Structures are given as structure tokens and as C-alpha cells.
Amino acid sequence: MRISWERTGGFAGISKHKTLDTNSLTAESSQQLLTLIEAVDFFNLPSHITTESIYPDSFEYILTVEDEGKQHSVIIAETALTGNLRTLIELLNQVN
């Protein structure tokens, strides 16, 4: 599975981008990511997830997952991050 992750916005407007291949990660990190992708039903998420509460200088996340010939991208407002989706973003931020 290949995961591209980008964070934009924030106070300084600095963008952060990372692309990961689960085959090149530790077995633990790879399994955690695969479990979270499945838990959030990633390939069935809408292409844009937001809430009515938009704050200046908040982040926006763009996730693209490619797996077995499927590809899906989702734009997520920081204010819309909850539960396993928040955990997924946090893990992606930590994994190298």
C-alpha cells in the first residue's frame, strides 16, 4: 500500500509532504496503518471532509491511498478529525 500525506495551512502556511510504502516500514507501523485505513473505511470516505467550524490558521490534510489498483484521495479539515481518522493522521505524522 502506498500512502501520500500532505499537511497545508497553519499559522506559517508551511506545507509538509510525505509518501510511504507500507512494505518499507517496520511490521508494526505497517500493520497499524493498514488497520487504521480499514477502520476508517478509507476507500468509501467522501473526497472532502469538513465541519461548520472552520478556524483561521488551521491545517488541512490531503491523503491519497493506493492499494491493489485502487486509488482514493480525501481532503480533511483539521476540525473534522475525530476518532480513528485523527489517530491515522497522528501516526502518519510520526512514521518515517
N, C-alpha and C. Protein backbone atom coordinates (compact mmCIF):
# COMPACT_ATOMS: atom_id res chain seq x y z
N MET A 1 0.85 -1.16 0.00
CA MET A 1 0.00 0.00 0.00
C MET A 1 0.90 1.24 0.00
N ARG A 2 0.53 2.20 -0.78
CA ARG A 2 1.26 3.46 -0.83
C ARG A 2 0.35 4.57 -0.31
N ILE A 3 0.89 5.38 0.59
CA ILE A 3 0.12 6.45 1.21
C ILE A 3 0.86 7.77 1.02
N SER A 4 0.21 8.73 0.39
CA SER A 4 0.74 10.09 0.27
C SER A 4 -0.03 10.97 1.21
N TRP A 5 0.69 11.78 1.95
CA TRP A 5 0.11 12.59 3.02
C TRP A 5 0.67 14.00 2.90
N GLU A 6 -0.21 14.98 2.91
CA GLU A 6 0.23 16.37 2.87
C GLU A 6 -0.56 17.18 3.89
N ARG A 7 0.16 18.03 4.60
CA ARG A 7 -0.48 18.95 5.54
C ARG A 7 -0.22 20.36 5.05
N THR A 8 -1.28 21.14 4.91
CA THR A 8 -1.15 22.53 4.46
C THR A 8 -1.83 23.43 5.48
N GLY A 9 -1.56 24.73 5.36
CA GLY A 9 -2.19 25.71 6.24
C GLY A 9 -1.37 25.95 7.47
N GLY A 10 -2.05 26.28 8.55
CA GLY A 10 -1.38 26.61 9.79
C GLY A 10 -0.95 28.06 9.82
N PHE A 11 -0.43 28.49 10.93
CA PHE A 11 -0.05 29.88 11.13
C PHE A 11 0.99 30.34 10.12
N ALA A 12 2.00 29.53 9.89
CA ALA A 12 3.08 29.92 8.97
C ALA A 12 2.81 29.51 7.54
N GLY A 13 1.80 28.69 7.32
CA GLY A 13 1.46 28.26 5.97
C GLY A 13 2.48 27.31 5.36
N ILE A 14 3.23 26.62 6.20
CA ILE A 14 4.26 25.71 5.72
C ILE A 14 3.63 24.35 5.41
N SER A 15 3.90 23.88 4.22
CA SER A 15 3.38 22.59 3.78
C SER A 15 4.35 21.47 4.16
N LYS A 16 3.79 20.33 4.52
CA LYS A 16 4.58 19.16 4.84
C LYS A 16 4.04 18.01 4.00
N HIS A 17 4.93 17.27 3.35
CA HIS A 17 4.50 16.19 2.46
C HIS A 17 5.34 14.94 2.72
N LYS A 18 4.69 13.80 2.63
CA LYS A 18 5.37 12.53 2.85
C LYS A 18 4.67 11.46 2.03
N THR A 19 5.45 10.55 1.46
CA THR A 19 4.89 9.39 0.78
C THR A 19 5.50 8.15 1.41
N LEU A 20 4.66 7.21 1.78
CA LEU A 20 5.10 5.99 2.44
C LEU A 20 4.65 4.77 1.66
N ASP A 21 5.48 3.75 1.68
CA ASP A 21 5.10 2.44 1.16
C ASP A 21 5.10 1.51 2.36
N THR A 22 3.98 0.89 2.65
CA THR A 22 3.89 0.05 3.84
C THR A 22 4.87 -1.12 3.81
N ASN A 23 5.33 -1.51 2.61
CA ASN A 23 6.30 -2.59 2.51
C ASN A 23 7.68 -2.18 3.02
N SER A 24 7.94 -0.88 3.10
CA SER A 24 9.26 -0.41 3.53
C SER A 24 9.27 0.02 5.00
N LEU A 25 8.16 -0.14 5.69
CA LEU A 25 8.06 0.23 7.10
C LEU A 25 8.28 -0.98 7.99
N THR A 26 8.44 -0.72 9.28
CA THR A 26 8.50 -1.84 10.21
C THR A 26 7.16 -2.57 10.17
N ALA A 27 7.20 -3.84 10.56
CA ALA A 27 5.97 -4.63 10.54
C ALA A 27 4.90 -4.01 11.42
N GLU A 28 5.32 -3.46 12.57
CA GLU A 28 4.37 -2.85 13.49
C GLU A 28 3.72 -1.60 12.89
N SER A 29 4.53 -0.71 12.33
CA SER A 29 3.99 0.52 11.72
C SER A 29 3.09 0.20 10.54
N SER A 30 3.53 -0.75 9.72
CA SER A 30 2.74 -1.15 8.56
C SER A 30 1.39 -1.69 8.99
N GLN A 31 1.38 -2.57 9.99
CA GLN A 31 0.12 -3.15 10.46
C GLN A 31 -0.79 -2.10 11.07
N GLN A 32 -0.22 -1.16 11.83
CA GLN A 32 -1.03 -0.09 12.42
C GLN A 32 -1.70 0.73 11.33
N LEU A 33 -0.95 1.09 10.29
CA LEU A 33 -1.52 1.88 9.19
C LEU A 33 -2.61 1.11 8.46
N LEU A 34 -2.34 -0.14 8.14
CA LEU A 34 -3.33 -0.95 7.44
C LEU A 34 -4.61 -1.10 8.26
N THR A 35 -4.46 -1.30 9.55
CA THR A 35 -5.62 -1.43 10.44
C THR A 35 -6.43 -0.15 10.47
N LEU A 36 -5.75 1.00 10.55
CA LEU A 36 -6.47 2.28 10.60
C LEU A 36 -7.13 2.62 9.27
N ILE A 37 -6.46 2.33 8.16
CA ILE A 37 -7.07 2.56 6.83
C ILE A 37 -8.36 1.75 6.72
N GLU A 38 -8.32 0.53 7.19
CA GLU A 38 -9.52 -0.31 7.16
C GLU A 38 -10.57 0.20 8.15
N ALA A 39 -10.14 0.61 9.35
CA ALA A 39 -11.09 1.06 10.38
C ALA A 39 -11.86 2.30 9.96
N VAL A 40 -11.23 3.20 9.21
CA VAL A 40 -11.94 4.41 8.76
C VAL A 40 -12.66 4.18 7.43
N ASP A 41 -12.55 2.94 6.89
CA ASP A 41 -13.19 2.61 5.61
C ASP A 41 -12.76 3.63 4.55
N PHE A 42 -11.44 3.81 4.45
CA PHE A 42 -10.86 4.90 3.67
C PHE A 42 -11.40 4.99 2.25
N PHE A 43 -11.49 3.88 1.54
CA PHE A 43 -11.89 3.93 0.14
C PHE A 43 -13.36 4.31 -0.05
N ASN A 44 -14.12 4.38 1.04
CA ASN A 44 -15.52 4.83 0.97
C ASN A 44 -15.74 6.20 1.59
N LEU A 45 -14.67 6.86 2.03
CA LEU A 45 -14.80 8.21 2.57
C LEU A 45 -15.12 9.20 1.45
N PRO A 46 -15.85 10.27 1.75
CA PRO A 46 -16.09 11.31 0.73
C PRO A 46 -14.76 12.00 0.39
N SER A 47 -14.71 12.65 -0.74
CA SER A 47 -13.47 13.28 -1.18
C SER A 47 -13.10 14.52 -0.36
N HIS A 48 -14.05 15.07 0.39
CA HIS A 48 -13.78 16.24 1.22
C HIS A 48 -14.54 16.10 2.53
N ILE A 49 -13.81 16.19 3.63
CA ILE A 49 -14.44 16.08 4.95
C ILE A 49 -14.17 17.38 5.70
N THR A 50 -15.23 18.04 6.11
CA THR A 50 -15.10 19.32 6.81
C THR A 50 -16.19 19.42 7.86
N THR A 51 -16.13 20.47 8.63
CA THR A 51 -17.18 20.77 9.59
C THR A 51 -17.58 22.23 9.40
N GLU A 52 -18.62 22.63 10.08
CA GLU A 52 -19.03 24.04 10.01
C GLU A 52 -18.06 24.94 10.74
N SER A 53 -17.32 24.37 11.68
CA SER A 53 -16.36 25.15 12.47
C SER A 53 -15.01 25.20 11.75
N ILE A 54 -14.77 26.28 11.06
CA ILE A 54 -13.50 26.49 10.38
C ILE A 54 -12.77 27.60 11.12
N TYR A 55 -11.53 27.33 11.47
CA TYR A 55 -10.74 28.30 12.22
C TYR A 55 -9.59 28.81 11.36
N PRO A 56 -9.28 30.11 11.46
CA PRO A 56 -8.11 30.62 10.75
C PRO A 56 -6.86 29.86 11.21
N ASP A 57 -5.96 29.68 10.33
CA ASP A 57 -4.67 29.04 10.61
C ASP A 57 -4.78 27.57 10.98
N SER A 58 -5.91 26.94 10.72
CA SER A 58 -5.99 25.51 10.98
C SER A 58 -5.38 24.75 9.80
N PHE A 59 -5.05 23.50 10.03
CA PHE A 59 -4.45 22.67 9.00
C PHE A 59 -5.51 22.00 8.14
N GLU A 60 -5.09 21.59 6.97
CA GLU A 60 -5.89 20.76 6.09
C GLU A 60 -4.99 19.62 5.65
N TYR A 61 -5.52 18.43 5.62
CA TYR A 61 -4.76 17.24 5.28
C TYR A 61 -5.28 16.65 3.98
N ILE A 62 -4.36 16.25 3.13
CA ILE A 62 -4.72 15.58 1.88
C ILE A 62 -4.09 14.20 1.92
N LEU A 63 -4.92 13.18 1.93
CA LEU A 63 -4.45 11.80 1.96
C LEU A 63 -4.82 11.11 0.66
N THR A 64 -3.85 10.41 0.11
CA THR A 64 -4.10 9.57 -1.06
C THR A 64 -3.57 8.18 -0.74
N VAL A 65 -4.42 7.18 -0.92
CA VAL A 65 -4.03 5.80 -0.67
C VAL A 65 -4.18 5.03 -1.97
N GLU A 66 -3.13 4.29 -2.31
CA GLU A 66 -3.14 3.40 -3.48
C GLU A 66 -2.92 1.98 -2.98
N ASP A 67 -3.82 1.09 -3.39
CA ASP A 67 -3.71 -0.30 -2.95
C ASP A 67 -4.39 -1.21 -3.96
N GLU A 68 -3.66 -2.18 -4.43
CA GLU A 68 -4.19 -3.19 -5.34
C GLU A 68 -4.99 -2.59 -6.49
N GLY A 69 -4.42 -1.59 -7.14
CA GLY A 69 -5.05 -0.98 -8.31
C GLY A 69 -6.11 0.06 -7.99
N LYS A 70 -6.43 0.25 -6.71
CA LYS A 70 -7.40 1.28 -6.31
C LYS A 70 -6.64 2.50 -5.81
N GLN A 71 -7.22 3.66 -6.06
CA GLN A 71 -6.66 4.91 -5.53
C GLN A 71 -7.80 5.81 -5.10
N HIS A 72 -7.61 6.45 -3.94
CA HIS A 72 -8.63 7.36 -3.43
C HIS A 72 -7.93 8.50 -2.69
N SER A 73 -8.42 9.71 -2.89
CA SER A 73 -7.88 10.88 -2.20
C SER A 73 -8.97 11.56 -1.39
N VAL A 74 -8.57 12.04 -0.22
CA VAL A 74 -9.51 12.71 0.68
C VAL A 74 -8.84 13.96 1.23
N ILE A 75 -9.58 15.07 1.22
CA ILE A 75 -9.13 16.31 1.85
C ILE A 75 -9.89 16.44 3.16
N ILE A 76 -9.14 16.61 4.26
CA ILE A 76 -9.76 16.60 5.58
C ILE A 76 -9.38 17.87 6.33
N ALA A 77 -10.38 18.61 6.78
CA ALA A 77 -10.14 19.79 7.61
C ALA A 77 -9.72 19.33 9.00
N GLU A 78 -8.79 20.04 9.60
CA GLU A 78 -8.32 19.69 10.94
C GLU A 78 -9.48 19.60 11.94
N THR A 79 -10.44 20.47 11.78
CA THR A 79 -11.58 20.49 12.71
C THR A 79 -12.49 19.27 12.55
N ALA A 80 -12.31 18.50 11.46
CA ALA A 80 -13.14 17.32 11.22
C ALA A 80 -12.45 16.03 11.68
N LEU A 81 -11.24 16.14 12.20
CA LEU A 81 -10.52 14.94 12.64
C LEU A 81 -11.08 14.42 13.95
N THR A 82 -11.57 13.21 13.92
CA THR A 82 -12.08 12.56 15.12
C THR A 82 -11.69 11.09 15.08
N GLY A 83 -11.72 10.45 16.22
CA GLY A 83 -11.55 9.01 16.33
C GLY A 83 -10.37 8.44 15.57
N ASN A 84 -10.64 7.38 14.83
CA ASN A 84 -9.59 6.69 14.09
C ASN A 84 -8.97 7.54 12.98
N LEU A 85 -9.73 8.48 12.46
CA LEU A 85 -9.17 9.37 11.44
C LEU A 85 -8.08 10.25 12.05
N ARG A 86 -8.32 10.76 13.24
CA ARG A 86 -7.30 11.54 13.95
C ARG A 86 -6.08 10.67 14.27
N THR A 87 -6.32 9.45 14.71
CA THR A 87 -5.23 8.53 15.02
C THR A 87 -4.41 8.23 13.78
N LEU A 88 -5.07 8.06 12.64
CA LEU A 88 -4.37 7.82 11.37
C LEU A 88 -3.45 8.98 11.03
N ILE A 89 -3.96 10.20 11.11
CA ILE A 89 -3.16 11.39 10.82
C ILE A 89 -1.98 11.49 11.78
N GLU A 90 -2.22 11.24 13.06
CA GLU A 90 -1.14 11.30 14.05
C GLU A 90 -0.06 10.27 13.76
N LEU A 91 -0.45 9.06 13.37
CA LEU A 91 0.52 8.03 13.05
C LEU A 91 1.31 8.40 11.80
N LEU A 92 0.63 8.90 10.78
CA LEU A 92 1.33 9.32 9.57
C LEU A 92 2.34 10.42 9.87
N ASN A 93 2.03 11.27 10.80
CA ASN A 93 2.94 12.35 11.18
C ASN A 93 4.19 11.80 11.87
N GLN A 94 4.06 10.67 12.54
CA GLN A 94 5.18 10.10 13.29
C GLN A 94 6.05 9.13 12.48
N VAL A 95 5.44 8.40 11.55
CA VAL A 95 6.16 7.36 10.81
C VAL A 95 7.15 8.00 9.85
N ASN A 96 8.35 7.43 9.80
CA ASN A 96 9.38 7.90 8.86
C ASN A 96 9.55 6.95 7.72
